């Protein structure tokens, strides 16, 4: 049984982790897990740091804007896993498929994300409580 042609190929790209101290957490993970920092940037009110592993990344998200999404998340939930990101070649097609399956979209179309990728999120209420992100590669 093959994959239907309208199903976009996806794989886990990264797991986003909300933290009050991305640099400190990165130092802990680098020492503990022997990974390395692959990319750092300040984007959309966040200090964003990607740690590289053989099969994907951890994205550490530290708010620099106290009114931003991650700051509000930390206030409400505390530090921890924020989202799971799935890499796809076509985020628009992935969103269309999700919409066709009745999944509530946070983003109606892809938007600029970290590291220069277009991204789009699905509402966790329809995805088993998990905030899913499509990352176009």
N, C-alpha and C. Protein backbone atom coordinates (compact mmCIF):
# COMPACT_ATOMS: atom_id res chain seq x y z
N UNK A 1 0.86 -1.17 0.00
CA UNK A 1 0.00 0.00 0.00
C UNK A 1 0.90 1.23 0.00
N UNK A 2 0.85 2.02 -1.04
CA UNK A 2 1.70 3.21 -1.17
C UNK A 2 1.05 4.44 -0.57
N UNK A 3 1.84 5.47 -0.48
CA UNK A 3 1.36 6.76 0.04
C UNK A 3 0.54 7.45 -1.05
N UNK A 4 -0.68 7.91 -0.70
CA UNK A 4 -1.48 8.65 -1.68
C UNK A 4 -0.71 9.89 -2.15
N UNK A 5 -0.92 10.27 -3.38
CA UNK A 5 -0.15 11.38 -3.97
C UNK A 5 -0.44 12.72 -3.32
N UNK A 6 -1.60 12.86 -2.64
CA UNK A 6 -1.92 14.15 -2.03
C UNK A 6 -1.41 14.27 -0.59
N UNK A 7 -0.71 13.25 -0.10
CA UNK A 7 -0.18 13.29 1.26
C UNK A 7 1.25 13.82 1.22
N UNK A 8 1.47 15.01 1.81
CA UNK A 8 2.82 15.56 1.80
C UNK A 8 3.75 14.70 2.66
N UNK A 9 4.97 14.53 2.19
CA UNK A 9 5.98 13.82 2.96
C UNK A 9 6.45 14.72 4.08
N UNK A 10 6.43 14.21 5.30
CA UNK A 10 6.89 14.99 6.46
C UNK A 10 7.82 14.12 7.30
N UNK A 11 8.68 14.78 8.04
CA UNK A 11 9.47 14.11 9.07
C UNK A 11 9.68 15.10 10.21
N UNK A 12 10.00 14.59 11.38
CA UNK A 12 10.20 15.48 12.51
C UNK A 12 11.44 16.32 12.25
N UNK A 13 11.27 17.62 12.29
CA UNK A 13 12.36 18.57 12.07
C UNK A 13 12.96 18.99 13.40
N UNK A 14 12.09 19.43 14.32
CA UNK A 14 12.59 19.84 15.64
C UNK A 14 11.48 19.82 16.67
N UNK A 15 11.90 19.91 17.91
CA UNK A 15 10.99 20.08 19.04
C UNK A 15 11.32 21.43 19.64
N UNK A 16 10.31 22.28 19.77
CA UNK A 16 10.49 23.60 20.35
C UNK A 16 10.33 23.54 21.86
N UNK A 17 11.28 24.13 22.58
CA UNK A 17 11.28 24.13 24.04
C UNK A 17 11.25 25.57 24.53
N UNK A 18 10.23 25.92 25.30
CA UNK A 18 10.13 27.26 25.89
C UNK A 18 10.99 27.30 27.15
N UNK A 19 11.78 28.36 27.29
CA UNK A 19 12.68 28.49 28.43
C UNK A 19 12.89 29.96 28.76
N UNK A 20 13.23 30.23 29.99
CA UNK A 20 13.59 31.59 30.40
C UNK A 20 15.05 31.90 30.12
N UNK A 21 15.86 30.86 29.78
CA UNK A 21 17.30 31.03 29.60
C UNK A 21 17.81 30.07 28.53
N UNK A 22 17.68 30.47 27.26
CA UNK A 22 18.10 29.60 26.16
C UNK A 22 19.59 29.31 26.20
N UNK A 23 20.40 30.31 26.50
CA UNK A 23 21.85 30.11 26.52
C UNK A 23 22.25 29.13 27.62
N UNK A 24 21.69 29.33 28.81
CA UNK A 24 22.02 28.42 29.91
C UNK A 24 21.56 27.00 29.64
N UNK A 25 20.35 26.84 29.09
CA UNK A 25 19.86 25.51 28.77
C UNK A 25 20.69 24.88 27.67
N UNK A 26 21.09 25.68 26.69
CA UNK A 26 21.95 25.17 25.62
C UNK A 26 23.27 24.66 26.18
N UNK A 27 23.86 25.42 27.09
CA UNK A 27 25.13 24.98 27.70
C UNK A 27 24.95 23.64 28.41
N UNK A 28 23.84 23.48 29.12
CA UNK A 28 23.57 22.21 29.80
C UNK A 28 23.45 21.08 28.80
N UNK A 29 22.67 21.29 27.73
CA UNK A 29 22.47 20.24 26.74
C UNK A 29 23.75 19.91 25.98
N UNK A 30 24.54 20.91 25.64
CA UNK A 30 25.80 20.68 24.93
C UNK A 30 26.70 19.78 25.77
N UNK A 31 26.83 20.08 27.05
CA UNK A 31 27.66 19.26 27.94
C UNK A 31 27.06 17.89 28.16
N UNK A 32 25.77 17.83 28.43
CA UNK A 32 25.10 16.58 28.77
C UNK A 32 24.96 15.64 27.58
N UNK A 33 24.61 16.19 26.42
CA UNK A 33 24.24 15.37 25.27
C UNK A 33 25.24 15.39 24.12
N UNK A 34 26.32 16.14 24.29
CA UNK A 34 27.37 16.23 23.26
C UNK A 34 26.81 16.66 21.91
N UNK A 35 25.90 17.62 21.95
CA UNK A 35 25.37 18.20 20.71
C UNK A 35 26.07 19.54 20.50
N UNK A 36 25.71 20.21 19.43
CA UNK A 36 26.32 21.52 19.19
C UNK A 36 25.27 22.52 18.75
N UNK A 37 25.59 23.78 18.96
CA UNK A 37 24.71 24.85 18.53
C UNK A 37 24.84 25.00 17.02
N UNK A 38 23.70 24.87 16.33
CA UNK A 38 23.69 24.94 14.87
C UNK A 38 23.31 26.32 14.36
N UNK A 39 22.51 27.05 15.15
CA UNK A 39 22.02 28.33 14.67
C UNK A 39 21.47 29.13 15.84
N UNK A 40 21.71 30.44 15.82
CA UNK A 40 21.16 31.36 16.82
C UNK A 40 20.67 32.61 16.11
N UNK A 41 19.54 33.14 16.59
CA UNK A 41 19.04 34.40 16.06
C UNK A 41 18.03 34.99 17.04
N UNK A 42 17.78 36.27 16.88
CA UNK A 42 16.68 36.91 17.57
C UNK A 42 15.62 37.15 16.50
N UNK A 43 14.43 36.66 16.77
CA UNK A 43 13.37 36.67 15.76
C UNK A 43 12.02 36.79 16.44
N UNK A 44 11.21 37.70 15.99
CA UNK A 44 9.82 37.80 16.41
C UNK A 44 9.67 37.85 17.94
N UNK A 45 10.52 38.65 18.59
CA UNK A 45 10.45 38.80 20.04
C UNK A 45 11.04 37.65 20.82
N UNK A 46 11.84 36.82 20.14
CA UNK A 46 12.43 35.64 20.77
C UNK A 46 13.93 35.55 20.51
N UNK A 47 14.65 35.05 21.49
CA UNK A 47 16.00 34.54 21.25
C UNK A 47 15.80 33.07 20.90
N UNK A 48 16.24 32.68 19.71
CA UNK A 48 16.02 31.33 19.21
C UNK A 48 17.37 30.67 19.02
N UNK A 49 17.50 29.46 19.53
CA UNK A 49 18.76 28.74 19.46
C UNK A 49 18.45 27.29 19.07
N UNK A 50 19.08 26.80 18.00
CA UNK A 50 18.88 25.43 17.54
C UNK A 50 20.09 24.58 17.92
N UNK A 51 19.82 23.45 18.56
CA UNK A 51 20.85 22.47 18.88
C UNK A 51 20.73 21.32 17.90
N UNK A 52 21.84 20.93 17.28
CA UNK A 52 21.83 19.90 16.24
C UNK A 52 22.08 18.51 16.83
N UNK A 53 21.23 17.59 16.39
CA UNK A 53 21.40 16.18 16.68
C UNK A 53 21.42 15.46 15.35
N UNK A 54 21.79 14.21 15.34
CA UNK A 54 21.91 13.45 14.09
C UNK A 54 20.60 13.42 13.31
N UNK A 55 19.47 13.39 14.01
CA UNK A 55 18.19 13.22 13.34
C UNK A 55 17.23 14.39 13.52
N UNK A 56 17.72 15.57 13.89
CA UNK A 56 16.85 16.73 14.04
C UNK A 56 17.44 17.74 15.00
N UNK A 57 16.60 18.63 15.45
CA UNK A 57 17.05 19.75 16.29
C UNK A 57 16.15 19.90 17.51
N UNK A 58 16.72 20.51 18.54
CA UNK A 58 15.95 21.12 19.61
C UNK A 58 16.00 22.61 19.36
N UNK A 59 14.86 23.26 19.38
CA UNK A 59 14.78 24.71 19.21
C UNK A 59 14.46 25.30 20.58
N UNK A 60 15.38 26.07 21.14
CA UNK A 60 15.18 26.69 22.43
C UNK A 60 14.64 28.09 22.20
N UNK A 61 13.52 28.40 22.85
CA UNK A 61 12.79 29.64 22.63
C UNK A 61 12.76 30.45 23.92
N UNK A 62 13.44 31.59 23.93
CA UNK A 62 13.47 32.47 25.10
C UNK A 62 12.86 33.81 24.72
N UNK A 63 11.84 34.24 25.45
CA UNK A 63 11.22 35.52 25.11
C UNK A 63 12.15 36.70 25.41
N UNK A 64 12.22 37.63 24.46
CA UNK A 64 12.88 38.91 24.72
C UNK A 64 11.83 40.01 24.76
N UNK A 65 10.63 39.66 24.34
CA UNK A 65 9.46 40.55 24.41
C UNK A 65 8.52 39.97 25.46
N UNK A 66 8.34 40.68 26.56
CA UNK A 66 7.54 40.12 27.66
C UNK A 66 6.06 40.00 27.36
N UNK A 67 5.61 40.54 26.23
CA UNK A 67 4.22 40.41 25.84
C UNK A 67 4.01 39.39 24.72
N UNK A 68 5.06 38.69 24.33
CA UNK A 68 4.98 37.77 23.20
C UNK A 68 4.36 36.43 23.56
N UNK A 69 4.17 35.62 22.54
CA UNK A 69 3.53 34.32 22.67
C UNK A 69 4.26 33.40 23.64
N UNK A 70 5.58 33.32 23.53
CA UNK A 70 6.33 32.41 24.40
C UNK A 70 6.35 32.94 25.83
N UNK A 71 6.43 34.25 26.02
CA UNK A 71 6.36 34.82 27.37
C UNK A 71 5.03 34.45 28.02
N UNK A 72 3.95 34.58 27.27
CA UNK A 72 2.63 34.22 27.81
C UNK A 72 2.54 32.72 28.09
N UNK A 73 3.13 31.92 27.22
CA UNK A 73 3.15 30.47 27.42
C UNK A 73 3.90 30.13 28.71
N UNK A 74 5.07 30.73 28.91
CA UNK A 74 5.84 30.47 30.11
C UNK A 74 5.08 30.89 31.37
N UNK A 75 4.40 32.02 31.31
CA UNK A 75 3.60 32.46 32.45
C UNK A 75 2.48 31.46 32.78
N UNK A 76 1.90 30.91 31.74
CA UNK A 76 0.75 30.01 31.90
C UNK A 76 1.18 28.58 32.21
N UNK A 77 2.18 28.08 31.50
CA UNK A 77 2.53 26.65 31.55
C UNK A 77 3.88 26.36 32.21
N UNK A 78 4.76 27.37 32.25
CA UNK A 78 6.12 27.13 32.72
C UNK A 78 6.99 26.59 31.60
N UNK A 79 8.27 26.40 31.86
CA UNK A 79 9.17 25.93 30.82
C UNK A 79 8.88 24.48 30.42
N UNK A 80 9.22 24.16 29.18
CA UNK A 80 9.04 22.79 28.70
C UNK A 80 8.76 22.75 27.21
N UNK A 81 8.34 21.59 26.76
CA UNK A 81 8.06 21.40 25.33
C UNK A 81 6.89 22.29 24.93
N UNK A 82 7.12 23.07 23.87
CA UNK A 82 6.11 23.99 23.36
C UNK A 82 5.43 23.44 22.10
N UNK A 83 6.23 22.89 21.17
CA UNK A 83 5.65 22.38 19.93
C UNK A 83 6.53 21.32 19.30
N UNK A 84 5.94 20.60 18.35
CA UNK A 84 6.66 19.63 17.53
C UNK A 84 6.56 20.14 16.10
N UNK A 85 7.71 20.25 15.44
CA UNK A 85 7.75 20.76 14.06
C UNK A 85 8.01 19.64 13.08
N UNK A 86 7.22 19.64 12.02
CA UNK A 86 7.34 18.65 10.96
C UNK A 86 7.83 19.33 9.70
N UNK A 87 8.90 18.82 9.14
CA UNK A 87 9.45 19.36 7.90
C UNK A 87 8.62 18.85 6.72
N UNK A 88 8.38 19.74 5.78
CA UNK A 88 7.65 19.39 4.57
C UNK A 88 8.21 20.21 3.41
N UNK A 89 8.06 19.71 2.21
CA UNK A 89 8.50 20.46 1.04
C UNK A 89 7.47 21.50 0.62
N UNK A 90 6.23 21.36 1.10
CA UNK A 90 5.15 22.24 0.67
C UNK A 90 4.20 22.51 1.84
N UNK A 91 4.48 23.58 2.60
CA UNK A 91 3.66 23.91 3.76
C UNK A 91 2.23 24.27 3.35
N UNK A 92 2.07 24.90 2.21
CA UNK A 92 0.72 25.26 1.74
C UNK A 92 -0.11 24.00 1.51
N UNK A 93 0.47 23.01 0.86
CA UNK A 93 -0.25 21.75 0.62
C UNK A 93 -0.54 21.03 1.94
N UNK A 94 0.40 21.08 2.88
CA UNK A 94 0.19 20.45 4.18
C UNK A 94 -0.97 21.13 4.92
N UNK A 95 -1.04 22.46 4.84
CA UNK A 95 -2.16 23.18 5.45
C UNK A 95 -3.49 22.84 4.78
N UNK A 96 -3.48 22.76 3.46
CA UNK A 96 -4.70 22.41 2.73
C UNK A 96 -5.20 21.03 3.14
N UNK A 97 -4.29 20.09 3.29
CA UNK A 97 -4.68 18.75 3.70
C UNK A 97 -5.25 18.78 5.12
N UNK A 98 -4.61 19.52 6.02
CA UNK A 98 -5.11 19.63 7.40
C UNK A 98 -6.51 20.24 7.41
N UNK A 99 -6.69 21.31 6.64
CA UNK A 99 -7.99 21.98 6.55
C UNK A 99 -9.05 21.00 6.03
N UNK A 100 -8.71 20.22 5.01
CA UNK A 100 -9.64 19.25 4.44
C UNK A 100 -10.03 18.17 5.45
N UNK A 101 -9.17 17.94 6.44
CA UNK A 101 -9.45 16.95 7.47
C UNK A 101 -10.09 17.59 8.71
N UNK A 102 -10.50 18.85 8.59
CA UNK A 102 -11.22 19.50 9.68
C UNK A 102 -10.35 20.00 10.81
N UNK A 103 -9.06 20.10 10.59
CA UNK A 103 -8.13 20.58 11.62
C UNK A 103 -8.16 22.11 11.62
N UNK A 104 -8.30 22.70 12.80
CA UNK A 104 -8.27 24.16 12.91
C UNK A 104 -6.84 24.66 12.70
N UNK A 105 -6.71 25.62 11.80
CA UNK A 105 -5.40 26.20 11.50
C UNK A 105 -5.18 27.44 12.36
N UNK A 106 -3.99 27.58 12.88
CA UNK A 106 -3.61 28.84 13.53
C UNK A 106 -3.19 29.81 12.43
N UNK A 107 -2.45 29.30 11.46
CA UNK A 107 -2.02 30.09 10.32
C UNK A 107 -2.77 29.61 9.08
N UNK A 108 -3.49 30.53 8.44
CA UNK A 108 -4.22 30.18 7.22
C UNK A 108 -3.28 29.96 6.03
N UNK A 109 -2.10 30.54 6.11
CA UNK A 109 -1.08 30.34 5.07
C UNK A 109 0.28 30.42 5.75
N UNK A 110 1.31 29.85 5.12
CA UNK A 110 2.65 29.90 5.73
C UNK A 110 3.11 31.35 5.91
N UNK A 111 3.93 31.54 6.95
CA UNK A 111 4.49 32.85 7.27
C UNK A 111 5.97 32.69 7.56
N UNK A 112 6.73 33.79 7.53
CA UNK A 112 8.16 33.68 7.82
C UNK A 112 8.41 33.18 9.24
N UNK A 113 9.34 32.24 9.36
CA UNK A 113 9.72 31.69 10.66
C UNK A 113 11.22 31.79 10.87
N UNK A 114 11.67 31.18 11.93
CA UNK A 114 13.10 31.20 12.27
C UNK A 114 13.92 30.50 11.20
N UNK A 115 15.16 30.89 11.12
CA UNK A 115 16.16 30.28 10.24
C UNK A 115 15.78 30.42 8.77
N UNK A 116 14.90 31.37 8.46
CA UNK A 116 14.55 31.66 7.08
C UNK A 116 13.52 30.73 6.46
N UNK A 117 12.90 29.89 7.25
CA UNK A 117 11.90 28.95 6.73
C UNK A 117 10.49 29.52 6.86
N UNK A 118 9.63 29.14 5.94
CA UNK A 118 8.21 29.44 6.09
C UNK A 118 7.61 28.39 7.02
N UNK A 119 6.71 28.84 7.90
CA UNK A 119 6.12 27.95 8.90
C UNK A 119 4.61 28.18 8.97
N UNK A 120 3.92 27.21 9.55
CA UNK A 120 2.48 27.34 9.81
C UNK A 120 2.12 26.37 10.93
N UNK A 121 1.22 26.82 11.81
CA UNK A 121 0.85 26.03 12.98
C UNK A 121 -0.58 25.53 12.90
N UNK A 122 -0.80 24.35 13.51
CA UNK A 122 -2.12 23.75 13.64
C UNK A 122 -2.54 23.85 15.10
N UNK A 123 -3.83 24.06 15.34
CA UNK A 123 -4.31 24.24 16.70
C UNK A 123 -4.25 22.92 17.48
N UNK A 124 -3.68 22.95 18.68
CA UNK A 124 -3.55 21.71 19.46
C UNK A 124 -4.88 21.09 19.87
N UNK A 125 -5.94 21.86 19.86
CA UNK A 125 -7.26 21.32 20.22
C UNK A 125 -7.67 20.21 19.24
N UNK A 126 -7.17 20.26 18.02
CA UNK A 126 -7.52 19.25 17.01
C UNK A 126 -6.40 18.24 16.74
N UNK A 127 -5.28 18.37 17.45
CA UNK A 127 -4.13 17.49 17.18
C UNK A 127 -3.65 16.80 18.47
N UNK A 128 -4.60 16.39 19.28
CA UNK A 128 -4.29 15.62 20.47
C UNK A 128 -3.58 16.41 21.56
N UNK A 129 -3.78 17.73 21.58
CA UNK A 129 -3.14 18.56 22.58
C UNK A 129 -1.73 18.97 22.24
N UNK A 130 -1.28 18.65 21.03
CA UNK A 130 0.08 18.97 20.60
C UNK A 130 0.03 20.11 19.58
N UNK A 131 0.78 21.18 19.85
CA UNK A 131 0.92 22.26 18.87
C UNK A 131 1.85 21.76 17.78
N UNK A 132 1.31 21.57 16.57
CA UNK A 132 2.12 21.11 15.44
C UNK A 132 2.47 22.28 14.55
N UNK A 133 3.70 22.28 14.07
CA UNK A 133 4.21 23.29 13.16
C UNK A 133 4.68 22.60 11.88
N UNK A 134 4.27 23.12 10.74
CA UNK A 134 4.87 22.71 9.48
C UNK A 134 6.01 23.68 9.16
N UNK A 135 7.14 23.13 8.79
CA UNK A 135 8.32 23.92 8.42
C UNK A 135 8.67 23.55 6.98
N UNK A 136 8.61 24.54 6.10
CA UNK A 136 8.89 24.25 4.70
C UNK A 136 10.40 24.27 4.46
N UNK A 137 10.88 23.18 3.85
CA UNK A 137 12.31 23.05 3.47
C UNK A 137 12.42 22.95 1.98
